[in-house]
Amino acid sequence: MVEKAGEELQCKSLTSRDNDPINRAYLNFMGDDGSYSYLLLVEPGRRWIFSDQVSEVHPLEVVVKET
């Protein structure tokens, strides 16, 4: 699921931080280093560090503005 979402974002020119490959085992920061704004992609059910909360899937619309 993370790989597919990452591929779709990359097709829209929203790359991973440092152009790292998308990896379902890691936190994947998607966005522009210059803006310091990121989307964080993780697999559903991943437990958040220092929490009992787990990640969930939710619909999301992203608007990317070229500068």
PDB file of N, CA and C in Angstrom:
ATOM      1  N   MET A   1       0.819  -1.190   0.000  1.00  0.00           N
ATOM      2  CA  MET A   1       0.000   0.000   0.000  1.00  0.00           C
ATOM      3  C   MET A   1       0.872   1.266   0.000  1.00  0.00           C
ATOM      4  N   VAL A   2       1.917   1.299   0.812  1.00  0.00           N
ATOM      5  CA  VAL A   2       2.807   2.463   0.864  1.00  0.00           C
ATOM      6  C   VAL A   2       3.520   2.664  -0.469  1.00  0.00           C
ATOM      7  N   GLU A   3       3.969   1.576  -1.072  1.00  0.00           N
ATOM      8  CA  GLU A   3       4.680   1.693  -2.341  1.00  0.00           C
ATOM      9  C   GLU A   3       3.782   2.307  -3.412  1.00  0.00           C
ATOM     10  N   LYS A   4       2.521   1.878  -3.478  1.00  0.00           N
ATOM     11  CA  LYS A   4       1.595   2.402  -4.489  1.00  0.00           C
ATOM     12  C   LYS A   4       1.341   3.886  -4.259  1.00  0.00           C
ATOM     13  N   ALA A   5       1.078   4.280  -3.021  1.00  0.00           N
ATOM     14  CA  ALA A   5       0.847   5.692  -2.712  1.00  0.00           C
ATOM     15  C   ALA A   5       2.086   6.520  -3.036  1.00  0.00           C
ATOM     16  N   GLY A   6       3.260   6.006  -2.683  1.00  0.00           N
ATOM     17  CA  GLY A   6       4.511   6.703  -2.989  1.00  0.00           C
ATOM     18  C   GLY A   6       4.730   6.867  -4.478  1.00  0.00           C
ATOM     19  N   GLU A   7       4.431   5.831  -5.248  1.00  0.00           N
ATOM     20  CA  GLU A   7       4.573   5.908  -6.706  1.00  0.00           C
ATOM     21  C   GLU A   7       3.638   6.959  -7.290  1.00  0.00           C
ATOM     22  N   GLU A   8       2.406   7.006  -6.800  1.00  0.00           N
ATOM     23  CA  GLU A   8       1.453   8.001  -7.290  1.00  0.00           C
ATOM     24  C   GLU A   8       1.921   9.416  -6.968  1.00  0.00           C
ATOM     25  N   LEU A   9       2.440   9.630  -5.767  1.00  0.00           N
ATOM     26  CA  LEU A   9       2.955  10.953  -5.403  1.00  0.00           C
ATOM     27  C   LEU A   9       4.173  11.321  -6.241  1.00  0.00           C
ATOM     28  N   GLN A  10       5.052  10.358  -6.488  1.00  0.00           N
ATOM     29  CA  GLN A  10       6.238  10.629  -7.290  1.00  0.00           C
ATOM     30  C   GLN A  10       5.866  10.966  -8.731  1.00  0.00           C
ATOM     31  N   CYS A  11       4.793  10.381  -9.248  1.00  0.00           N
ATOM     32  CA  CYS A  11       4.316  10.715 -10.594  1.00  0.00           C
ATOM     33  C   CYS A  11       3.843  12.163 -10.666  1.00  0.00           C
ATOM     34  N   LYS A  12       3.482  12.713  -9.530  1.00  0.00           N
ATOM     35  CA  LYS A  12       3.040  14.117  -9.450  1.00  0.00           C
ATOM     36  C   LYS A  12       4.174  15.024  -8.984  1.00  0.00           C
ATOM     37  N   SER A  13       5.405  14.545  -9.083  1.00  0.00           N
ATOM     38  CA  SER A  13       6.616  15.298  -8.730  1.00  0.00           C
ATOM     39  C   SER A  13       6.758  15.579  -7.244  1.00  0.00           C
ATOM     40  N   LEU A  14       6.122  14.772  -6.409  1.00  0.00           N
ATOM     41  CA  LEU A  14       6.302  14.889  -4.966  1.00  0.00           C
ATOM     42  C   LEU A  14       7.183  13.719  -4.542  1.00  0.00           C
ATOM     43  N   THR A  15       8.483  13.961  -4.419  1.00  0.00           N
ATOM     44  CA  THR A  15       9.442  12.893  -4.186  1.00  0.00           C
ATOM     45  C   THR A  15       9.690  12.672  -2.699  1.00  0.00           C
ATOM     46  N   SER A  16      10.320  11.563  -2.390  1.00  0.00           N
ATOM     47  CA  SER A  16      10.685  11.290  -1.007  1.00  0.00           C
ATOM     48  C   SER A  16      11.882  12.152  -0.623  1.00  0.00           C
ATOM     49  N   ARG A  17      11.981  12.411   0.670  1.00  0.00           N
ATOM     50  CA  ARG A  17      13.096  13.223   1.166  1.00  0.00           C
ATOM     51  C   ARG A  17      14.407  12.557   0.770  1.00  0.00           C
ATOM     52  N   ASP A  18      15.322  13.314   0.286  1.00  0.00           N
ATOM     53  CA  ASP A  18      16.633  12.837  -0.151  1.00  0.00           C
ATOM     54  C   ASP A  18      16.519  11.820  -1.289  1.00  0.00           C
ATOM     55  N   ASN A  19      15.356  11.763  -1.955  1.00  0.00           N
ATOM     56  CA  ASN A  19      15.104  10.810  -3.051  1.00  0.00           C
ATOM     57  C   ASN A  19      15.337   9.365  -2.638  1.00  0.00           C
ATOM     58  N   ASP A  20      15.108   9.079  -1.360  1.00  0.00           N
ATOM     59  CA  ASP A  20      15.223   7.700  -0.878  1.00  0.00           C
ATOM     60  C   ASP A  20      14.116   6.855  -1.491  1.00  0.00           C
ATOM     61  N   PRO A  21      14.367   5.562  -1.728  1.00  0.00           N
ATOM     62  CA  PRO A  21      13.309   4.698  -2.233  1.00  0.00           C
ATOM     63  C   PRO A  21      12.215   4.509  -1.184  1.00  0.00           C
ATOM     64  N   ILE A  22      10.979   4.317  -1.633  1.00  0.00           N
ATOM     65  CA  ILE A  22       9.862   4.056  -0.730  1.00  0.00           C
ATOM     66  C   ILE A  22      10.036   2.664  -0.143  1.00  0.00           C
ATOM     67  N   ASN A  23       9.905   2.562   1.175  1.00  0.00           N
ATOM     68  CA  ASN A  23      10.104   1.293   1.854  1.00  0.00           C
ATOM     69  C   ASN A  23       8.982   1.101   2.861  1.00  0.00           C
ATOM     70  N   ARG A  24       8.248   0.001   2.751  1.00  0.00           N
ATOM     71  CA  ARG A  24       7.096  -0.220   3.632  1.00  0.00           C
ATOM     72  C   ARG A  24       7.493  -0.429   5.093  1.00  0.00           C
ATOM     73  N   ALA A  25       8.753  -0.718   5.380  1.00  0.00           N
ATOM     74  CA  ALA A  25       9.194  -0.946   6.753  1.00  0.00           C
ATOM     75  C   ALA A  25       9.597   0.347   7.471  1.00  0.00           C
ATOM     76  N   TYR A  26       9.675   1.465   6.738  1.00  0.00           N
ATOM     77  CA  TYR A  26      10.183   2.711   7.313  1.00  0.00           C
ATOM     78  C   TYR A  26       9.146   3.819   7.285  1.00  0.00           C
ATOM     79  N   LEU A  27       9.474   4.917   7.954  1.00  0.00           N
ATOM     80  CA  LEU A  27       8.727   6.160   7.788  1.00  0.00           C
ATOM     81  C   LEU A  27       9.210   6.787   6.486  1.00  0.00           C
ATOM     82  N   ASN A  28       8.305   7.113   5.597  1.00  0.00           N
ATOM     83  CA  ASN A  28       8.659   7.695   4.306  1.00  0.00           C
ATOM     84  C   ASN A  28       8.190   9.145   4.287  1.00  0.00           C
ATOM     85  N   PHE A  29       9.146  10.070   4.315  1.00  0.00           N
ATOM     86  CA  PHE A  29       8.831  11.492   4.272  1.00  0.00           C
ATOM     87  C   PHE A  29       8.752  11.920   2.812  1.00  0.00           C
ATOM     88  N   MET A  30       7.579  12.400   2.391  1.00  0.00           N
ATOM     89  CA  MET A  30       7.368  12.828   1.014  1.00  0.00           C
ATOM     90  C   MET A  30       7.216  14.340   1.006  1.00  0.00           C
ATOM     91  N   GLY A  31       8.031  15.026   0.198  1.00  0.00           N
ATOM     92  CA  GLY A  31       7.903  16.472   0.103  1.00  0.00           C
ATOM     93  C   GLY A  31       9.210  17.127  -0.277  1.00  0.00           C
ATOM     94  N   ASP A  32       9.167  18.442  -0.311  1.00  0.00           N
ATOM     95  CA  ASP A  32      10.292  19.259  -0.744  1.00  0.00           C
ATOM     96  C   ASP A  32      11.123  19.686   0.462  1.00  0.00           C
ATOM     97  N   ASP A  33      12.412  19.386   0.437  1.00  0.00           N
ATOM     98  CA  ASP A  33      13.284  19.779   1.552  1.00  0.00           C
ATOM     99  C   ASP A  33      13.252  21.276   1.810  1.00  0.00           C
ATOM    100  N   GLY A  34      13.088  22.074   0.765  1.00  0.00           N
ATOM    101  CA  GLY A  34      13.107  23.527   0.917  1.00  0.00           C
ATOM    102  C   GLY A  34      11.906  24.082   1.650  1.00  0.00           C
ATOM    103  N   SER A  35      10.802  23.365   1.636  1.00  0.00           N
ATOM    104  CA  SER A  35       9.587  23.887   2.281  1.00  0.00           C
ATOM    105  C   SER A  35       9.421  23.391   3.709  1.00  0.00           C
ATOM    106  N   TYR A  36      10.121  22.339   4.063  1.00  0.00           N
ATOM    107  CA  TYR A  36      10.016  21.720   5.389  1.00  0.00           C
ATOM    108  C   TYR A  36       8.596  21.244   5.688  1.00  0.00           C
ATOM    109  N   SER A  37       7.852  20.937   4.635  1.00  0.00           N
ATOM    110  CA  SER A  37       6.509  20.372   4.775  1.00  0.00           C
ATOM    111  C   SER A  37       6.530  18.988   4.155  1.00  0.00           C
ATOM    112  N   TYR A  38       6.057  17.995   4.897  1.00  0.00           N
ATOM    113  CA  TYR A  38       6.125  16.622   4.423  1.00  0.00           C
ATOM    114  C   TYR A  38       4.816  15.891   4.651  1.00  0.00           C
ATOM    115  N   LEU A  39       4.572  14.901   3.810  1.00  0.00           N
ATOM    116  CA  LEU A  39       3.570  13.885   4.070  1.00  0.00           C
ATOM    117  C   LEU A  39       4.333  12.690   4.587  1.00  0.00           C
ATOM    118  N   LEU A  40       3.802  12.019   5.554  1.00  0.00           N
ATOM    119  CA  LEU A  40       4.471  10.864   6.128  1.00  0.00           C
ATOM    120  C   LEU A  40       3.700   9.609   5.731  1.00  0.00           C
ATOM    121  N   LEU A  41       4.335   8.741   4.947  1.00  0.00           N
ATOM    122  CA  LEU A  41       3.702   7.499   4.500  1.00  0.00           C
ATOM    123  C   LEU A  41       4.211   6.332   5.327  1.00  0.00           C
ATOM    124  N   VAL A  42       3.278   5.566   5.888  1.00  0.00           N
ATOM    125  CA  VAL A  42       3.606   4.343   6.622  1.00  0.00           C
ATOM    126  C   VAL A  42       2.549   3.299   6.313  1.00  0.00           C
ATOM    127  N   GLU A  43       2.854   2.051   6.574  1.00  0.00           N
ATOM    128  CA  GLU A  43       1.890   0.972   6.377  1.00  0.00           C
ATOM    129  C   GLU A  43       0.771   1.070   7.417  1.00  0.00           C
ATOM    130  N   PRO A  44      -0.456   0.716   7.032  1.00  0.00           N
ATOM    131  CA  PRO A  44      -1.550   0.676   8.012  1.00  0.00           C
ATOM    132  C   PRO A  44      -1.220  -0.309   9.135  1.00  0.00           C
ATOM    133  N   GLY A  45      -1.599   0.058  10.355  1.00  0.00           N
ATOM    134  CA  GLY A  45      -1.368  -0.813  11.498  1.00  0.00           C
ATOM    135  C   GLY A  45      -0.024  -0.631  12.161  1.00  0.00           C
ATOM    136  N   ARG A  46       0.817   0.269  11.631  1.00  0.00           N
ATOM    137  CA  ARG A  46       2.130   0.505  12.241  1.00  0.00           C
ATOM    138  C   ARG A  46       1.942   1.254  13.550  1.00  0.00           C
ATOM    139  N   ARG A  47       2.560   0.785  14.616  1.00  0.00           N
ATOM    140  CA  ARG A  47       2.478   1.460  15.906  1.00  0.00           C
ATOM    141  C   ARG A  47       3.411   2.663  15.889  1.00  0.00           C
ATOM    142  N   TRP A  48       2.874   3.791  16.343  1.00  0.00           N
ATOM    143  CA  TRP A  48       3.675   5.010  16.405  1.00  0.00           C
ATOM    144  C   TRP A  48       4.644   4.937  17.581  1.00  0.00           C
ATOM    145  N   ILE A  49       5.829   5.449  17.387  1.00  0.00           N
ATOM    146  CA  ILE A  49       6.862   5.450  18.416  1.00  0.00           C
ATOM    147  C   ILE A  49       6.353   6.215  19.645  1.00  0.00           C
ATOM    148  N   PHE A  50       6.603   5.688  20.829  1.00  0.00           N
ATOM    149  CA  PHE A  50       6.217   6.284  22.106  1.00  0.00           C
ATOM    150  C   PHE A  50       4.698   6.392  22.272  1.00  0.00           C
ATOM    151  N   SER A  51       3.943   5.484  21.618  1.00  0.00           N
ATOM    152  CA  SER A  51       2.489   5.549  21.694  1.00  0.00           C
ATOM    153  C   SER A  51       1.897   4.152  21.503  1.00  0.00           C
ATOM    154  N   ASP A  52       0.668   3.989  21.945  1.00  0.00           N
ATOM    155  CA  ASP A  52      -0.073   2.759  21.667  1.00  0.00           C
ATOM    156  C   ASP A  52      -0.936   2.913  20.421  1.00  0.00           C
ATOM    157  N   GLN A  53      -0.933   4.088  19.810  1.00  0.00           N
ATOM    158  CA  GLN A  53      -1.727   4.367  18.614  1.00  0.00           C
ATOM    159  C   GLN A  53      -1.121   3.661  17.405  1.00  0.00           C
ATOM    160  N   VAL A  54      -1.990   3.194  16.512  1.00  0.00           N
ATOM    161  CA  VAL A  54      -1.512   2.590  15.264  1.00  0.00           C
ATOM    162  C   VAL A  54      -2.010   3.420  14.095  1.00  0.00           C
ATOM    163  N   SER A  55      -1.270   3.366  12.997  1.00  0.00           N
ATOM    164  CA  SER A  55      -1.636   4.138  11.807  1.00  0.00           C
ATOM    165  C   SER A  55      -2.898   3.562  11.173  1.00  0.00           C
ATOM    166  N   GLU A  56      -3.658   4.452  10.540  1.00  0.00           N
ATOM    167  CA  GLU A  56      -4.902   4.093   9.878  1.00  0.00           C
ATOM    168  C   GLU A  56      -4.922   4.695   8.482  1.00  0.00           C
ATOM    169  N   VAL A  57      -5.764   4.147   7.635  1.00  0.00           N
ATOM    170  CA  VAL A  57      -5.954   4.675   6.283  1.00  0.00           C
ATOM    171  C   VAL A  57      -7.116   5.668   6.303  1.00  0.00           C
ATOM    172  N   HIS A  58      -6.892   6.850   5.729  1.00  0.00           N
ATOM    173  CA  HIS A  58      -7.929   7.875   5.606  1.00  0.00           C
ATOM    174  C   HIS A  58      -7.817   8.519   4.225  1.00  0.00           C
ATOM    175  N   PRO A  59      -8.948   8.927   3.661  1.00  0.00           N
ATOM    176  CA  PRO A  59      -8.881   9.626   2.372  1.00  0.00           C
ATOM    177  C   PRO A  59      -8.154  10.957   2.542  1.00  0.00           C
ATOM    178  N   LEU A  60      -7.436  11.343   1.506  1.00  0.00           N
ATOM    179  CA  LEU A  60      -6.646  12.564   1.564  1.00  0.00           C
ATOM    180  C   LEU A  60      -6.574  13.175   0.183  1.00  0.00           C
ATOM    181  N   GLU A  61      -6.730  14.472   0.111  1.00  0.00           N
ATOM    182  CA  GLU A  61      -6.534  15.199  -1.147  1.00  0.00           C
ATOM    183  C   GLU A  61      -5.346  16.116  -0.958  1.00  0.00           C
ATOM    184  N   VAL A  62      -4.399  16.070  -1.876  1.00  0.00           N
ATOM    185  CA  VAL A  62      -3.196  16.878  -1.785  1.00  0.00           C
ATOM    186  C   VAL A  62      -3.150  17.831  -2.966  1.00  0.00           C
ATOM    187  N   VAL A  63      -2.966  19.100  -2.699  1.00  0.00           N
ATOM    188  CA  VAL A  63      -2.816  20.098  -3.745  1.00  0.00           C
ATOM    189  C   VAL A  63      -1.367  20.557  -3.721  1.00  0.00           C
ATOM    190  N   VAL A  64      -0.673  20.371  -4.840  1.00  0.00           N
ATOM    191  CA  VAL A  64       0.730  20.750  -4.948  1.00  0.00           C
ATOM    192  C   VAL A  64       0.816  22.011  -5.793  1.00  0.00           C
ATOM    193  N   LYS A  65       1.444  23.022  -5.245  1.00  0.00           N
ATOM    194  CA  LYS A  65       1.587  24.279  -5.927  1.00  0.00           C
ATOM    195  C   LYS A  65       3.035  24.431  -6.393  1.00  0.00           C
ATOM    196  N   GLU A  66       3.223  24.674  -7.662  1.00  0.00           N
ATOM    197  CA  GLU A  66       4.581  24.889  -8.170  1.00  0.00           C
ATOM    198  C   GLU A  66       5.023  26.293  -7.846  1.00  0.00           C
ATOM    199  N   THR A  67       6.289  26.426  -7.402  1.00  0.00           N
ATOM    200  CA  THR A  67       6.808  27.758  -7.093  1.00  0.00           C
ATOM    201  C   THR A  67       8.023  28.022  -7.932  1.00  0.00           C
TER     202      THR A  67
END
